[in-house]
Each structure stands twice: as structure tokens, then as C-alpha cells.
């Protein structure tokens, strides 16, 4: 079942709230959605709130997720992902960063907002 997606568009960045199962397939659909939505709405920074999702991709899936994100969203300046503490790894972040994308994984939404708001 695909993610349920809701949006908030602020002056500095877009926030995407997700519900549903955190599968690699769902993330692929999400990345495609962000690609189209960010081009249409003109935002370059996004906070993806994953705290209401269930499960997480395998370690190799997380590596693939980082690669997919970097390849599909290079036009974005910053991406902040907010996850539950027990789900935090930096696998996707490390891959995306090595590929030139500024992606950070947070467990605290306020820290993610502060990072996205920096100049």
C-alpha cells in the first residue's frame, strides 16, 4: 500500500508528512512525487517526516534509497528526513552525500527545521 502523503508549504521549505509502510517501492514513488511536486511548486528544500510510518528498508535498501534520492533530486538544495530514534541510520544519508546531495537524517523535527532554515 502506498504512502499517504500530506503537504505543508512554507516560505523556506516544503514539509511532507507520510503514513504507511516504509518500503523501497513506496520510497521510489515518494521520490518521483517530490521530483514532480518540487518542480511544479518551485521549492528547493524539503522536510520529509517519516515518524508516522511503519518498518524500514533493509540496509542494502537504505543504500539504494540514498542513491535513488541523489540521482532523482539533484535540483534540491537540502533534504531533511525526520525518523523515529530507533529507525535512525545514516546509510542513505552517506550515499546521497557522497553523490553531492545535501541530505540529513534527524530524529528531532526542530533540529531538521533549523538546518533547513540556515542560509
PDB file of N, CA and C in Angstrom:
ATOM      1  N   UNK A   1       0.842  -1.184   0.000  1.00  0.00           N
ATOM      2  CA  UNK A   1       0.000   0.000   0.000  1.00  0.00           C
ATOM      3  C   UNK A   1       0.886   1.244   0.000  1.00  0.00           C
ATOM      4  N   UNK A   2       0.641   2.194  -0.894  1.00  0.00           N
ATOM      5  CA  UNK A   2       1.489   3.390  -0.989  1.00  0.00           C
ATOM      6  C   UNK A   2       1.354   4.282   0.238  1.00  0.00           C
ATOM      7  N   UNK A   3       2.342   5.165   0.394  1.00  0.00           N
ATOM      8  CA  UNK A   3       2.285   6.147   1.475  1.00  0.00           C
ATOM      9  C   UNK A   3       1.064   7.039   1.311  1.00  0.00           C
ATOM     10  N   UNK A   4       0.488   7.442   2.441  1.00  0.00           N
ATOM     11  CA  UNK A   4      -0.464   8.551   2.455  1.00  0.00           C
ATOM     12  C   UNK A   4       0.392   9.795   2.616  1.00  0.00           C
ATOM     13  N   UNK A   5       0.219  10.764   1.728  1.00  0.00           N
ATOM     14  CA  UNK A   5       1.074  11.947   1.693  1.00  0.00           C
ATOM     15  C   UNK A   5       0.241  13.194   1.952  1.00  0.00           C
ATOM     16  N   UNK A   6       0.734  14.046   2.859  1.00  0.00           N
ATOM     17  CA  UNK A   6       0.140  15.375   3.025  1.00  0.00           C
ATOM     18  C   UNK A   6       1.277  16.395   3.016  1.00  0.00           C
ATOM     19  N   UNK A   7       0.960  17.617   2.612  1.00  0.00           N
ATOM     20  CA  UNK A   7       1.966  18.664   2.426  1.00  0.00           C
ATOM     21  C   UNK A   7       1.655  19.900   3.254  1.00  0.00           C
ATOM     22  N   UNK A   8       2.704  20.584   3.647  1.00  0.00           N
ATOM     23  CA  UNK A   8       2.637  21.953   4.159  1.00  0.00           C
ATOM     24  C   UNK A   8       3.699  22.710   3.371  1.00  0.00           C
ATOM     25  N   UNK A   9       3.313  23.840   2.790  1.00  0.00           N
ATOM     26  CA  UNK A   9       4.267  24.640   2.029  1.00  0.00           C
ATOM     27  C   UNK A   9       4.547  25.925   2.802  1.00  0.00           C
ATOM     28  N   UNK A  10       5.780  26.059   3.274  1.00  0.00           N
ATOM     29  CA  UNK A  10       6.175  27.267   3.980  1.00  0.00           C
ATOM     30  C   UNK A  10       6.993  28.165   3.073  1.00  0.00           C
ATOM     31  N   UNK A  11       7.431  29.288   3.611  1.00  0.00           N
ATOM     32  CA  UNK A  11       8.200  30.237   2.805  1.00  0.00           C
ATOM     33  C   UNK A  11       9.622  29.752   2.543  1.00  0.00           C
ATOM     34  N   UNK A  12      10.164  28.892   3.434  1.00  0.00           N
ATOM     35  CA  UNK A  12      11.542  28.444   3.272  1.00  0.00           C
ATOM     36  C   UNK A  12      11.669  27.017   2.749  1.00  0.00           C
ATOM     37  N   UNK A  13      10.660  26.187   3.014  1.00  0.00           N
ATOM     38  CA  UNK A  13      10.724  24.792   2.582  1.00  0.00           C
ATOM     39  C   UNK A  13       9.353  24.153   2.620  1.00  0.00           C
ATOM     40  N   UNK A  14       9.238  23.027   1.955  1.00  0.00           N
ATOM     41  CA  UNK A  14       8.015  22.228   1.979  1.00  0.00           C
ATOM     42  C   UNK A  14       8.181  21.123   3.015  1.00  0.00           C
ATOM     43  N   UNK A  15       7.095  20.764   3.665  1.00  0.00           N
ATOM     44  CA  UNK A  15       7.099  19.644   4.597  1.00  0.00           C
ATOM     45  C   UNK A  15       6.147  18.579   4.057  1.00  0.00           C
ATOM     46  N   UNK A  16       6.639  17.362   4.005  1.00  0.00           N
ATOM     47  CA  UNK A  16       5.833  16.240   3.543  1.00  0.00           C
ATOM     48  C   UNK A  16       5.682  15.262   4.698  1.00  0.00           C
ATOM     49  N   UNK A  17       4.433  15.010   5.076  1.00  0.00           N
ATOM     50  CA  UNK A  17       4.110  14.070   6.152  1.00  0.00           C
ATOM     51  C   UNK A  17       3.662  12.762   5.516  1.00  0.00           C
ATOM     52  N   UNK A  18       4.194  11.659   6.014  1.00  0.00           N
ATOM     53  CA  UNK A  18       3.891  10.348   5.447  1.00  0.00           C
ATOM     54  C   UNK A  18       3.283   9.418   6.484  1.00  0.00           C
ATOM     55  N   UNK A  19       2.406   8.568   6.010  1.00  0.00           N
ATOM     56  CA  UNK A  19       1.865   7.454   6.791  1.00  0.00           C
ATOM     57  C   UNK A  19       1.909   6.237   5.889  1.00  0.00           C
ATOM     58  N   UNK A  20       2.172   5.080   6.483  1.00  0.00           N
ATOM     59  CA  UNK A  20       2.186   3.847   5.713  1.00  0.00           C
ATOM     60  C   UNK A  20       3.477   3.077   5.916  1.00  0.00           C
ATOM     61  N   UNK A  21       3.607   2.028   5.144  1.00  0.00           N
ATOM     62  CA  UNK A  21       4.757   1.136   5.284  1.00  0.00           C
ATOM     63  C   UNK A  21       5.963   1.684   4.530  1.00  0.00           C
ATOM     64  N   UNK A  22       7.091   1.747   5.217  1.00  0.00           N
ATOM     65  CA  UNK A  22       8.329   2.307   4.652  1.00  0.00           C
ATOM     66  C   UNK A  22       9.071   1.246   3.833  1.00  0.00           C
ATOM     67  N   UNK A  23       8.536   0.970   2.651  1.00  0.00           N
ATOM     68  CA  UNK A  23       9.162   0.001   1.754  1.00  0.00           C
ATOM     69  C   UNK A  23       9.955   0.745   0.692  1.00  0.00           C
ATOM     70  N   UNK A  24      10.879   0.048   0.067  1.00  0.00           N
ATOM     71  CA  UNK A  24      11.665   0.655  -1.002  1.00  0.00           C
ATOM     72  C   UNK A  24      10.754   1.096  -2.152  1.00  0.00           C
ATOM     73  N   UNK A  25       9.752   0.301  -2.459  1.00  0.00           N
ATOM     74  CA  UNK A  25       8.805   0.668  -3.519  1.00  0.00           C
ATOM     75  C   UNK A  25       8.070   1.963  -3.181  1.00  0.00           C
ATOM     76  N   UNK A  26       7.624   2.096  -1.930  1.00  0.00           N
ATOM     77  CA  UNK A  26       6.942   3.321  -1.523  1.00  0.00           C
ATOM     78  C   UNK A  26       7.879   4.522  -1.587  1.00  0.00           C
ATOM     79  N   UNK A  27       9.132   4.317  -1.208  1.00  0.00           N
ATOM     80  CA  UNK A  27      10.103   5.417  -1.294  1.00  0.00           C
ATOM     81  C   UNK A  27      10.364   5.815  -2.746  1.00  0.00           C
ATOM     82  N   UNK A  28      10.397   4.855  -3.649  1.00  0.00           N
ATOM     83  CA  UNK A  28      10.592   5.179  -5.068  1.00  0.00           C
ATOM     84  C   UNK A  28       9.445   6.052  -5.569  1.00  0.00           C
ATOM     85  N   UNK A  29       8.209   5.727  -5.173  1.00  0.00           N
ATOM     86  CA  UNK A  29       7.059   6.553  -5.552  1.00  0.00           C
ATOM     87  C   UNK A  29       7.141   7.938  -4.905  1.00  0.00           C
ATOM     88  N   UNK A  30       7.589   7.984  -3.652  1.00  0.00           N
ATOM     89  CA  UNK A  30       7.730   9.261  -2.951  1.00  0.00           C
ATOM     90  C   UNK A  30       8.755  10.153  -3.654  1.00  0.00           C
ATOM     91  N   UNK A  31       9.887   9.588  -4.033  1.00  0.00           N
ATOM     92  CA  UNK A  31      10.936  10.367  -4.707  1.00  0.00           C
ATOM     93  C   UNK A  31      10.408  10.924  -6.032  1.00  0.00           C
ATOM     94  N   UNK A  32       9.681  10.114  -6.766  1.00  0.00           N
ATOM     95  CA  UNK A  32       9.080  10.590  -8.020  1.00  0.00           C
ATOM     96  C   UNK A  32       8.084  11.720  -7.737  1.00  0.00           C
ATOM     97  N   UNK A  33       7.306  11.573  -6.681  1.00  0.00           N
ATOM     98  CA  UNK A  33       6.338  12.601  -6.294  1.00  0.00           C
ATOM     99  C   UNK A  33       7.052  13.909  -5.933  1.00  0.00           C
ATOM    100  N   UNK A  34       8.102  13.816  -5.118  1.00  0.00           N
ATOM    101  CA  UNK A  34       8.849  15.018  -4.724  1.00  0.00           C
ATOM    102  C   UNK A  34       9.475  15.677  -5.949  1.00  0.00           C
ATOM    103  N   UNK A  35      10.001  14.875  -6.861  1.00  0.00           N
ATOM    104  CA  UNK A  35      10.594  15.424  -8.085  1.00  0.00           C
ATOM    105  C   UNK A  35       9.569  16.289  -8.827  1.00  0.00           C
ATOM    106  N   UNK A  36       8.399  15.736  -9.083  1.00  0.00           N
ATOM    107  CA  UNK A  36       7.369  16.465  -9.825  1.00  0.00           C
ATOM    108  C   UNK A  36       6.823  17.650  -9.029  1.00  0.00           C
ATOM    109  N   UNK A  37       6.544  17.435  -7.748  1.00  0.00           N
ATOM    110  CA  UNK A  37       5.953  18.479  -6.917  1.00  0.00           C
ATOM    111  C   UNK A  37       6.907  19.651  -6.731  1.00  0.00           C
ATOM    112  N   UNK A  38       8.186  19.366  -6.492  1.00  0.00           N
ATOM    113  CA  UNK A  38       9.152  20.447  -6.281  1.00  0.00           C
ATOM    114  C   UNK A  38       9.359  21.262  -7.551  1.00  0.00           C
ATOM    115  N   UNK A  39       9.341  20.609  -8.689  1.00  0.00           N
ATOM    116  CA  UNK A  39       9.457  21.338  -9.967  1.00  0.00           C
ATOM    117  C   UNK A  39       8.211  22.205 -10.187  1.00  0.00           C
ATOM    118  N   UNK A  40       7.042  21.662  -9.904  1.00  0.00           N
ATOM    119  CA  UNK A  40       5.797  22.403 -10.121  1.00  0.00           C
ATOM    120  C   UNK A  40       5.638  23.572  -9.148  1.00  0.00           C
ATOM    121  N   UNK A  41       6.013  23.352  -7.877  1.00  0.00           N
ATOM    122  CA  UNK A  41       5.802  24.375  -6.844  1.00  0.00           C
ATOM    123  C   UNK A  41       7.029  25.276  -6.650  1.00  0.00           C
ATOM    124  N   UNK A  42       8.181  24.866  -7.142  1.00  0.00           N
ATOM    125  CA  UNK A  42       9.375  25.708  -7.089  1.00  0.00           C
ATOM    126  C   UNK A  42      10.165  25.684  -5.788  1.00  0.00           C
ATOM    127  N   UNK A  43       9.921  24.733  -4.917  1.00  0.00           N
ATOM    128  CA  UNK A  43      10.714  24.691  -3.688  1.00  0.00           C
ATOM    129  C   UNK A  43      12.022  23.930  -3.917  1.00  0.00           C
ATOM    130  N   UNK A  44      13.047  24.288  -3.122  1.00  0.00           N
ATOM    131  CA  UNK A  44      14.362  23.638  -3.246  1.00  0.00           C
ATOM    132  C   UNK A  44      14.807  22.979  -1.946  1.00  0.00           C
ATOM    133  N   UNK A  45      14.001  23.121  -0.922  1.00  0.00           N
ATOM    134  CA  UNK A  45      14.293  22.481   0.366  1.00  0.00           C
ATOM    135  C   UNK A  45      13.033  21.763   0.835  1.00  0.00           C
ATOM    136  N   UNK A  46      13.246  20.586   1.433  1.00  0.00           N
ATOM    137  CA  UNK A  46      12.092  19.792   1.854  1.00  0.00           C
ATOM    138  C   UNK A  46      12.398  19.024   3.138  1.00  0.00           C
ATOM    139  N   UNK A  47      11.406  18.966   4.008  1.00  0.00           N
ATOM    140  CA  UNK A  47      11.458  18.135   5.205  1.00  0.00           C
ATOM    141  C   UNK A  47      10.498  16.974   4.964  1.00  0.00           C
ATOM    142  N   UNK A  48      10.999  15.765   5.086  1.00  0.00           N
ATOM    143  CA  UNK A  48      10.181  14.563   4.915  1.00  0.00           C
ATOM    144  C   UNK A  48      10.014  13.930   6.293  1.00  0.00           C
ATOM    145  N   UNK A  49       8.796  13.976   6.818  1.00  0.00           N
ATOM    146  CA  UNK A  49       8.526  13.446   8.152  1.00  0.00           C
ATOM    147  C   UNK A  49       8.068  11.994   8.031  1.00  0.00           C
ATOM    148  N   UNK A  50       8.926  11.089   8.490  1.00  0.00           N
ATOM    149  CA  UNK A  50       8.664   9.645   8.420  1.00  0.00           C
ATOM    150  C   UNK A  50       8.260   9.061   9.772  1.00  0.00           C
ATOM    151  N   UNK A  51       7.976   9.905  10.751  1.00  0.00           N
ATOM    152  CA  UNK A  51       7.715   9.417  12.096  1.00  0.00           C
ATOM    153  C   UNK A  51       6.414   8.636  12.224  1.00  0.00           C
ATOM    154  N   UNK A  52       5.513   8.756  11.256  1.00  0.00           N
ATOM    155  CA  UNK A  52       4.248   8.021  11.309  1.00  0.00           C
ATOM    156  C   UNK A  52       4.234   6.832  10.348  1.00  0.00           C
ATOM    157  N   UNK A  53       5.415   6.406   9.907  1.00  0.00           N
ATOM    158  CA  UNK A  53       5.499   5.240   9.030  1.00  0.00           C
ATOM    159  C   UNK A  53       5.815   4.002   9.855  1.00  0.00           C
ATOM    160  N   UNK A  54       5.670   2.841   9.243  1.00  0.00           N
ATOM    161  CA  UNK A  54       5.999   1.593   9.921  1.00  0.00           C
ATOM    162  C   UNK A  54       7.099   0.879   9.141  1.00  0.00           C
ATOM    163  N   UNK A  55       7.985   0.214   9.861  1.00  0.00           N
ATOM    164  CA  UNK A  55       9.064  -0.542   9.240  1.00  0.00           C
ATOM    165  C   UNK A  55      10.124   0.365   8.648  1.00  0.00           C
ATOM    166  N   UNK A  56      11.096  -0.261   8.006  1.00  0.00           N
ATOM    167  CA  UNK A  56      12.132   0.481   7.293  1.00  0.00           C
ATOM    168  C   UNK A  56      12.789  -0.471   6.304  1.00  0.00           C
ATOM    169  N   UNK A  57      13.374   0.075   5.237  1.00  0.00           N
ATOM    170  CA  UNK A  57      14.059  -0.790   4.276  1.00  0.00           C
ATOM    171  C   UNK A  57      15.263  -1.490   4.920  1.00  0.00           C
ATOM    172  N   UNK A  58      15.667  -2.588   4.317  1.00  0.00           N
ATOM    173  CA  UNK A  58      16.879  -3.278   4.765  1.00  0.00           C
ATOM    174  C   UNK A  58      18.076  -2.357   4.597  1.00  0.00           C
ATOM    175  N   UNK A  59      19.230  -2.744   5.129  1.00  0.00           N
ATOM    176  CA  UNK A  59      20.433  -1.916   4.996  1.00  0.00           C
ATOM    177  C   UNK A  59      20.755  -1.680   3.527  1.00  0.00           C
ATOM    178  N   UNK A  60      20.724  -2.726   2.715  1.00  0.00           N
ATOM    179  CA  UNK A  60      21.016  -2.547   1.286  1.00  0.00           C
ATOM    180  C   UNK A  60      19.939  -1.685   0.625  1.00  0.00           C
ATOM    181  N   UNK A  61      18.707  -1.802   1.085  1.00  0.00           N
ATOM    182  CA  UNK A  61      17.635  -0.955   0.584  1.00  0.00           C
ATOM    183  C   UNK A  61      17.860   0.509   0.931  1.00  0.00           C
ATOM    184  N   UNK A  62      18.406   0.761   2.117  1.00  0.00           N
ATOM    185  CA  UNK A  62      18.708   2.131   2.516  1.00  0.00           C
ATOM    186  C   UNK A  62      19.821   2.719   1.647  1.00  0.00           C
ATOM    187  N   UNK A  63      20.803   1.895   1.295  1.00  0.00           N
ATOM    188  CA  UNK A  63      21.864   2.362   0.392  1.00  0.00           C
ATOM    189  C   UNK A  63      21.266   2.711  -0.967  1.00  0.00           C
ATOM    190  N   UNK A  64      20.386   1.852  -1.456  1.00  0.00           N
ATOM    191  CA  UNK A  64      19.722   2.099  -2.738  1.00  0.00           C
ATOM    192  C   UNK A  64      18.856   3.355  -2.667  1.00  0.00           C
ATOM    193  N   UNK A  65      18.201   3.560  -1.543  1.00  0.00           N
ATOM    194  CA  UNK A  65      17.371   4.740  -1.342  1.00  0.00           C
ATOM    195  C   UNK A  65      18.211   6.016  -1.433  1.00  0.00           C
ATOM    196  N   UNK A  66      19.383   6.026  -0.808  1.00  0.00           N
ATOM    197  CA  UNK A  66      20.274   7.187  -0.888  1.00  0.00           C
ATOM    198  C   UNK A  66      20.684   7.478  -2.316  1.00  0.00           C
ATOM    199  N   UNK A  67      20.986   6.428  -3.066  1.00  0.00           N
ATOM    200  CA  UNK A  67      21.382   6.587  -4.467  1.00  0.00           C
ATOM    201  C   UNK A  67      20.215   7.107  -5.313  1.00  0.00           C
ATOM    202  N   UNK A  68      19.033   6.517  -5.136  1.00  0.00           N
ATOM    203  CA  UNK A  68      17.848   6.961  -5.887  1.00  0.00           C
ATOM    204  C   UNK A  68      17.545   8.431  -5.615  1.00  0.00           C
ATOM    205  N   UNK A  69      17.644   8.814  -4.357  1.00  0.00           N
ATOM    206  CA  UNK A  69      17.341  10.192  -3.972  1.00  0.00           C
ATOM    207  C   UNK A  69      18.319  11.158  -4.630  1.00  0.00           C
ATOM    208  N   UNK A  70      19.595  10.836  -4.559  1.00  0.00           N
ATOM    209  CA  UNK A  70      20.617  11.718  -5.148  1.00  0.00           C
ATOM    210  C   UNK A  70      20.469  11.808  -6.663  1.00  0.00           C
ATOM    211  N   UNK A  71      20.128  10.712  -7.303  1.00  0.00           N
ATOM    212  CA  UNK A  71      20.000  10.711  -8.764  1.00  0.00           C
ATOM    213  C   UNK A  71      18.743  11.445  -9.242  1.00  0.00           C
ATOM    214  N   UNK A  72      17.665  11.357  -8.471  1.00  0.00           N
ATOM    215  CA  UNK A  72      16.385  11.907  -8.928  1.00  0.00           C
ATOM    216  C   UNK A  72      16.126  13.329  -8.441  1.00  0.00           C
ATOM    217  N   UNK A  73      16.804  13.736  -7.353  1.00  0.00           N
ATOM    218  CA  UNK A  73      16.504  15.040  -6.757  1.00  0.00           C
ATOM    219  C   UNK A  73      17.720  15.967  -6.664  1.00  0.00           C
ATOM    220  N   UNK A  74      18.604  15.973  -7.666  1.00  0.00           N
ATOM    221  CA  UNK A  74      19.800  16.818  -7.563  1.00  0.00           C
ATOM    222  C   UNK A  74      19.490  18.311  -7.596  1.00  0.00           C
ATOM    223  N   UNK A  75      18.288  18.688  -8.053  1.00  0.00           N
ATOM    224  CA  UNK A  75      17.900  20.092  -8.113  1.00  0.00           C
ATOM    225  C   UNK A  75      17.530  20.661  -6.741  1.00  0.00           C
ATOM    226  N   UNK A  76      17.385  19.803  -5.740  1.00  0.00           N
ATOM    227  CA  UNK A  76      17.052  20.294  -4.403  1.00  0.00           C
ATOM    228  C   UNK A  76      18.320  20.703  -3.657  1.00  0.00           C
ATOM    229  N   UNK A  77      18.214  21.792  -2.918  1.00  0.00           N
ATOM    230  CA  UNK A  77      19.345  22.314  -2.151  1.00  0.00           C
ATOM    231  C   UNK A  77      19.565  21.503  -0.872  1.00  0.00           C
ATOM    232  N   UNK A  78      18.480  21.158  -0.179  1.00  0.00           N
ATOM    233  CA  UNK A  78      18.575  20.395   1.071  1.00  0.00           C
ATOM    234  C   UNK A  78      17.338  19.519   1.247  1.00  0.00           C
ATOM    235  N   UNK A  79      17.589  18.334   1.785  1.00  0.00           N
ATOM    236  CA  UNK A  79      16.510  17.424   2.154  1.00  0.00           C
ATOM    237  C   UNK A  79      16.764  16.978   3.589  1.00  0.00           C
ATOM    238  N   UNK A  80      15.785  17.183   4.446  1.00  0.00           N
ATOM    239  CA  UNK A  80      15.862  16.713   5.829  1.00  0.00           C
ATOM    240  C   UNK A  80      14.827  15.615   5.998  1.00  0.00           C
ATOM    241  N   UNK A  81      15.265  14.486   6.516  1.00  0.00           N
ATOM    242  CA  UNK A  81      14.390  13.363   6.788  1.00  0.00           C
ATOM    243  C   UNK A  81      14.289  13.214   8.306  1.00  0.00           C
ATOM    244  N   UNK A  82      13.078  13.155   8.839  1.00  0.00           N
ATOM    245  CA  UNK A  82      12.877  13.007  10.277  1.00  0.00           C
ATOM    246  C   UNK A  82      12.288  11.628  10.539  1.00  0.00           C
ATOM    247  N   UNK A  83      13.010  10.840  11.340  1.00  0.00           N
ATOM    248  CA  UNK A  83      12.621   9.459  11.638  1.00  0.00           C
ATOM    249  C   UNK A  83      12.526   9.253  13.139  1.00  0.00           C
ATOM    250  N   UNK A  84      11.932   8.141  13.540  1.00  0.00           N
ATOM    251  CA  UNK A  84      11.934   7.756  14.957  1.00  0.00           C
ATOM    252  C   UNK A  84      13.361   7.370  15.347  1.00  0.00           C
ATOM    253  N   UNK A  85      13.715   7.593  16.585  1.00  0.00           N
ATOM    254  CA  UNK A  85      15.071   7.307  17.057  1.00  0.00           C
ATOM    255  C   UNK A  85      15.538   5.897  16.774  1.00  0.00           C
ATOM    256  N   UNK A  86      14.664   4.922  16.959  1.00  0.00           N
ATOM    257  CA  UNK A  86      15.050   3.521  16.765  1.00  0.00           C
ATOM    258  C   UNK A  86      15.245   3.171  15.286  1.00  0.00           C
ATOM    259  N   UNK A  87      14.759   4.026  14.398  1.00  0.00           N
ATOM    260  CA  UNK A  87      14.894   3.761  12.958  1.00  0.00           C
ATOM    261  C   UNK A  87      16.049   4.530  12.313  1.00  0.00           C
ATOM    262  N   UNK A  88      16.757   5.337  13.093  1.00  0.00           N
ATOM    263  CA  UNK A  88      17.789   6.189  12.504  1.00  0.00           C
ATOM    264  C   UNK A  88      19.049   5.390  12.166  1.00  0.00           C
ATOM    265  N   UNK A  89      19.384   5.434  10.917  1.00  0.00           N
ATOM    266  CA  UNK A  89      20.700   5.005  10.443  1.00  0.00           C
ATOM    267  C   UNK A  89      21.162   6.150   9.546  1.00  0.00           C
ATOM    268  N   UNK A  90      22.374   6.127   9.143  1.00  0.00           N
ATOM    269  CA  UNK A  90      22.832   7.192   8.241  1.00  0.00           C
ATOM    270  C   UNK A  90      23.243   6.613   6.896  1.00  0.00           C
ATOM    271  N   UNK A  91      22.777   5.414   6.595  1.00  0.00           N
ATOM    272  CA  UNK A  91      23.186   4.743   5.357  1.00  0.00           C
ATOM    273  C   UNK A  91      22.771   5.544   4.122  1.00  0.00           C
ATOM    274  N   UNK A  92      21.500   5.913   4.019  1.00  0.00           N
ATOM    275  CA  UNK A  92      21.044   6.665   2.840  1.00  0.00           C
ATOM    276  C   UNK A  92      21.692   8.045   2.800  1.00  0.00           C
ATOM    277  N   UNK A  93      21.856   8.651   3.966  1.00  0.00           N
ATOM    278  CA  UNK A  93      22.491   9.973   4.057  1.00  0.00           C
ATOM    279  C   UNK A  93      23.916   9.926   3.525  1.00  0.00           C
ATOM    280  N   UNK A  94      24.672   8.928   3.919  1.00  0.00           N
ATOM    281  CA  UNK A  94      26.066   8.820   3.479  1.00  0.00           C
ATOM    282  C   UNK A  94      26.175   8.644   1.971  1.00  0.00           C
ATOM    283  N   UNK A  95      25.330   7.799   1.405  1.00  0.00           N
ATOM    284  CA  UNK A  95      25.367   7.572  -0.044  1.00  0.00           C
ATOM    285  C   UNK A  95      24.982   8.850  -0.777  1.00  0.00           C
ATOM    286  N   UNK A  96      23.881   9.475  -0.371  1.00  0.00           N
ATOM    287  CA  UNK A  96      23.421  10.697  -1.041  1.00  0.00           C
ATOM    288  C   UNK A  96      24.461  11.806  -0.940  1.00  0.00           C
ATOM    289  N   UNK A  97      25.073  11.945   0.226  1.00  0.00           N
ATOM    290  CA  UNK A  97      26.089  12.982   0.428  1.00  0.00           C
ATOM    291  C   UNK A  97      27.294  12.740  -0.471  1.00  0.00           C
ATOM    292  N   UNK A  98      27.737  11.499  -0.566  1.00  0.00           N
ATOM    293  CA  UNK A  98      28.863  11.180  -1.454  1.00  0.00           C
ATOM    294  C   UNK A  98      28.547  11.505  -2.907  1.00  0.00           C
ATOM    295  N   UNK A  99      27.275  11.466  -3.249  1.00  0.00           N
ATOM    296  CA  UNK A  99      26.854  11.753  -4.615  1.00  0.00           C
ATOM    297  C   UNK A  99      26.530  13.238  -4.819  1.00  0.00           C
ATOM    298  N   UNK A 100      26.768  14.058  -3.794  1.00  0.00           N
ATOM    299  CA  UNK A 100      26.624  15.502  -3.929  1.00  0.00           C
ATOM    300  C   UNK A 100      25.318  16.100  -3.451  1.00  0.00           C
ATOM    301  N   UNK A 101      24.425  15.306  -2.866  1.00  0.00           N
ATOM    302  CA  UNK A 101      23.144  15.816  -2.373  1.00  0.00           C
ATOM    303  C   UNK A 101      23.247  16.130  -0.890  1.00  0.00           C
ATOM    304  N   UNK A 102      22.710  17.256  -0.482  1.00  0.00           N
ATOM    305  CA  UNK A 102      22.711  17.636   0.935  1.00  0.00           C
ATOM    306  C   UNK A 102      21.470  17.048   1.595  1.00  0.00           C
ATOM    307  N   UNK A 103      21.619  15.840   2.104  1.00  0.00           N
ATOM    308  CA  UNK A 103      20.551  15.114   2.780  1.00  0.00           C
ATOM    309  C   UNK A 103      21.015  14.802   4.192  1.00  0.00           C
ATOM    310  N   UNK A 104      20.179  15.116   5.167  1.00  0.00           N
ATOM    311  CA  UNK A 104      20.482  14.819   6.565  1.00  0.00           C
ATOM    312  C   UNK A 104      19.299  14.090   7.181  1.00  0.00           C
ATOM    313  N   UNK A 105      19.605  13.123   8.052  1.00  0.00           N
ATOM    314  CA  UNK A 105      18.577  12.365   8.762  1.00  0.00           C
ATOM    315  C   UNK A 105      18.567  12.838  10.215  1.00  0.00           C
ATOM    316  N   UNK A 106      17.398  13.174  10.706  1.00  0.00           N
ATOM    317  CA  UNK A 106      17.218  13.689  12.066  1.00  0.00           C
ATOM    318  C   UNK A 106      16.191  12.845  12.818  1.00  0.00           C
ATOM    319  N   UNK A 107      16.265  12.907  14.149  1.00  0.00           N
ATOM    320  CA  UNK A 107      15.220  12.325  14.987  1.00  0.00           C
ATOM    321  C   UNK A 107      14.403  13.420  15.661  1.00  0.00           C
ATOM    322  N   UNK A 108      14.837  14.649  15.522  1.00  0.00           N
ATOM    323  CA  UNK A 108      14.162  15.796  16.128  1.00  0.00           C
ATOM    324  C   UNK A 108      13.736  16.760  15.019  1.00  0.00           C
ATOM    325  N   UNK A 109      12.447  16.993  14.903  1.00  0.00           N
ATOM    326  CA  UNK A 109      11.932  17.853  13.835  1.00  0.00           C
ATOM    327  C   UNK A 109      12.440  19.284  13.962  1.00  0.00           C
ATOM    328  N   UNK A 110      12.596  19.776  15.185  1.00  0.00           N
ATOM    329  CA  UNK A 110      13.089  21.144  15.370  1.00  0.00           C
ATOM    330  C   UNK A 110      14.511  21.293  14.842  1.00  0.00           C
ATOM    331  N   UNK A 111      15.347  20.286  15.041  1.00  0.00           N
ATOM    332  CA  UNK A 111      16.711  20.331  14.501  1.00  0.00           C
ATOM    333  C   UNK A 111      16.679  20.322  12.974  1.00  0.00           C
ATOM    334  N   UNK A 112      15.780  19.544  12.401  1.00  0.00           N
ATOM    335  CA  UNK A 112      15.643  19.497  10.932  1.00  0.00           C
ATOM    336  C   UNK A 112      15.200  20.859  10.405  1.00  0.00           C
ATOM    337  N   UNK A 113      14.247  21.482  11.075  1.00  0.00           N
ATOM    338  CA  UNK A 113      13.762  22.802  10.657  1.00  0.00           C
ATOM    339  C   UNK A 113      14.904  23.819  10.736  1.00  0.00           C
ATOM    340  N   UNK A 114      15.676  23.782  11.814  1.00  0.00           N
ATOM    341  CA  UNK A 114      16.793  24.720  11.966  1.00  0.00           C
ATOM    342  C   UNK A 114      17.808  24.538  10.832  1.00  0.00           C
ATOM    343  N   UNK A 115      18.127  23.298  10.492  1.00  0.00           N
ATOM    344  CA  UNK A 115      19.084  23.035   9.405  1.00  0.00           C
ATOM    345  C   UNK A 115      18.547  23.509   8.061  1.00  0.00           C
ATOM    346  N   UNK A 116      17.266  23.262   7.797  1.00  0.00           N
ATOM    347  CA  UNK A 116      16.673  23.704   6.542  1.00  0.00           C
ATOM    348  C   UNK A 116      16.578  25.224   6.449  1.00  0.00           C
ATOM    349  N   UNK A 117      16.500  25.895   7.584  1.00  0.00           N
ATOM    350  CA  UNK A 117      16.344  27.355   7.619  1.00  0.00           C
ATOM    351  C   UNK A 117      17.662  28.110   7.525  1.00  0.00           C
ATOM    352  N   UNK A 118      18.790  27.400   7.640  1.00  0.00           N
ATOM    353  CA  UNK A 118      20.092  28.059   7.546  1.00  0.00           C
ATOM    354  C   UNK A 118      20.315  28.599   6.135  1.00  0.00           C
ATOM    355  N   UNK A 119      21.113  29.653   6.055  1.00  0.00           N
ATOM    356  CA  UNK A 119      21.467  30.197   4.727  1.00  0.00           C
ATOM    357  C   UNK A 119      22.527  29.391   4.043  1.00  0.00           C
TER     358      UNK A 119
END
